[in-house]
Amino acid sequence: LEFRRVLFRSATGQLAAFMDQGKDENGTVHVYAGPNRMAALGGSATGGLLNLFNMKGKAVFVAGSAADGSGGLFSIRNGEGSQVVRASAEPSPEIAVYSDDGQQKRVITAPAKP
């Protein structure tokens, strides 16, 4: 048997989770709490990606492999989905903290190699 989408429902018939084949034949898994998507896990050409959502459906935590490098990254976002903290491993490790409006940031970088 070959499936392209598998649904999991609660005892009352509400969607609890599903797995499917996403874009470019990459797999995805979505987890729900009531009608709200709470988490998504997916694969891509550059690696894995994890999104955690608030009850408004906004991604508040995103982690995965960087699209422009081979290292990892994560992003913490406010309740409206705007990035407030970002950390990446490559090309040089750094952590950035953003202002509420996302227009200003302070960056901490790893010390340069001697």
Protein backbone atom coordinates (compact mmCIF):
# COMPACT_ATOMS: atom_id res chain seq x y z
CA LEU A 1 0.00 0.00 0.00
CA GLU A 2 1.13 3.52 -0.74
CA PHE A 3 -0.32 6.55 1.01
CA ARG A 4 0.33 10.21 0.28
CA ARG A 5 -1.65 11.47 3.31
CA VAL A 6 -2.52 9.86 6.63
CA LEU A 7 -5.01 11.50 9.01
CA PHE A 8 -5.38 10.85 12.74
CA ARG A 9 -8.64 11.86 14.39
CA SER A 10 -9.75 12.06 18.01
CA ALA A 11 -12.56 9.92 19.40
CA THR A 12 -14.95 12.77 18.51
CA GLY A 13 -13.67 12.94 14.93
CA GLN A 14 -11.63 16.11 15.28
CA LEU A 15 -8.33 16.25 13.39
CA ALA A 16 -5.47 15.47 15.79
CA ALA A 17 -2.55 15.06 13.36
CA PHE A 18 -1.71 14.27 9.79
CA MET A 19 1.28 13.25 7.74
CA ASP A 20 1.59 14.00 4.08
CA GLN A 21 3.92 14.40 1.18
CA GLY A 22 4.70 18.08 0.85
CA LYS A 23 6.36 20.06 -1.90
CA ASP A 24 9.09 18.32 -3.85
CA GLU A 25 8.08 14.98 -2.30
CA ASN A 26 9.28 15.99 1.18
CA GLY A 27 7.36 14.61 4.15
CA THR A 28 5.49 16.75 6.68
CA VAL A 29 3.77 16.06 10.01
CA HIS A 30 1.22 18.45 11.55
CA VAL A 31 -0.17 18.24 15.11
CA TYR A 32 -3.40 19.96 16.19
CA ALA A 33 -5.06 21.00 19.46
CA GLY A 34 -8.72 21.39 18.64
CA PRO A 35 -8.94 23.31 15.37
CA ASN A 36 -5.51 24.91 15.81
CA ARG A 37 -2.25 23.66 14.34
CA MET A 38 0.30 23.56 17.16
CA ALA A 39 3.35 22.02 15.48
CA ALA A 40 4.71 21.17 12.05
CA LEU A 41 7.74 19.09 11.18
CA GLY A 42 9.03 18.84 7.64
CA GLY A 43 11.92 17.89 5.45
CA SER A 44 13.50 19.86 2.63
CA ALA A 45 16.49 19.78 0.32
CA THR A 46 18.61 21.42 3.05
CA GLY A 47 17.36 19.38 6.04
CA GLY A 48 14.62 19.40 8.66
CA LEU A 49 12.38 22.20 9.92
CA LEU A 50 10.26 22.45 13.08
CA ASN A 51 7.59 25.12 13.65
CA LEU A 52 5.65 25.61 16.90
CA PHE A 53 2.53 27.79 16.77
CA ASN A 54 0.48 29.83 19.24
CA MET A 55 -3.32 29.64 19.43
CA LYS A 56 -3.56 32.43 16.81
CA GLY A 57 -1.79 30.19 14.29
CA LYS A 58 1.39 32.28 14.31
CA ALA A 59 4.76 30.51 14.33
CA VAL A 60 6.45 31.47 17.63
CA PHE A 61 9.41 29.08 17.45
CA VAL A 62 11.13 27.93 14.26
CA ALA A 63 14.21 25.70 14.15
CA GLY A 64 15.97 23.80 11.44
CA SER A 65 18.79 23.62 9.01
CA ALA A 66 19.70 26.86 7.28
CA ALA A 67 18.71 27.20 3.64
CA ASP A 68 21.95 29.08 2.89
CA GLY A 69 24.37 26.91 4.89
CA SER A 70 24.92 23.51 6.40
CA GLY A 71 24.40 24.56 10.03
CA GLY A 72 21.35 25.01 12.18
CA LEU A 73 19.32 28.04 13.16
CA PHE A 74 16.40 28.99 15.35
CA SER A 75 14.02 31.91 15.58
CA ILE A 76 11.81 32.97 18.48
CA ARG A 77 8.90 35.18 17.48
CA ASN A 78 6.37 37.29 19.35
CA GLY A 79 2.63 36.61 19.44
CA GLU A 80 2.15 38.28 16.06
CA GLY A 81 4.85 36.20 14.39
CA SER A 82 7.58 38.87 14.22
CA GLN A 83 11.09 37.60 14.89
CA VAL A 84 12.61 38.86 18.16
CA VAL A 85 15.53 36.43 18.63
CA ARG A 86 17.53 34.57 16.00
CA ALA A 87 20.56 32.32 16.33
CA SER A 88 22.53 30.67 13.57
CA ALA A 89 25.55 28.40 13.48
CA GLU A 90 27.02 29.26 10.08
CA PRO A 91 28.71 30.90 8.28
CA SER A 92 29.85 32.36 11.62
CA PRO A 93 27.90 31.68 14.85
CA GLU A 94 25.75 34.58 16.00
CA ILE A 95 22.72 35.50 18.08
CA ALA A 96 20.57 38.52 17.21
CA VAL A 97 17.93 40.24 19.35
CA TYR A 98 15.45 42.52 17.56
CA SER A 99 13.40 45.53 18.68
CA ASP A 100 9.62 45.15 18.94
CA ASP A 101 9.15 46.59 15.45
CA GLY A 102 11.96 44.44 14.00
CA GLN A 103 13.79 47.48 12.65
CA GLN A 104 16.77 47.40 15.01
CA LYS A 105 18.88 44.53 16.24
CA ARG A 106 21.82 43.80 18.48
CA VAL A 107 24.08 40.99 17.35
CA ILE A 108 26.50 38.87 19.37
CA THR A 109 29.02 37.01 17.23
CA ALA A 110 31.50 34.29 18.09
CA PRO A 111 35.08 35.38 18.68
CA ALA A 112 37.26 35.28 15.58
CA LYS A 113 39.65 32.36 15.26
CA PRO A 114 43.27 33.29 16.10
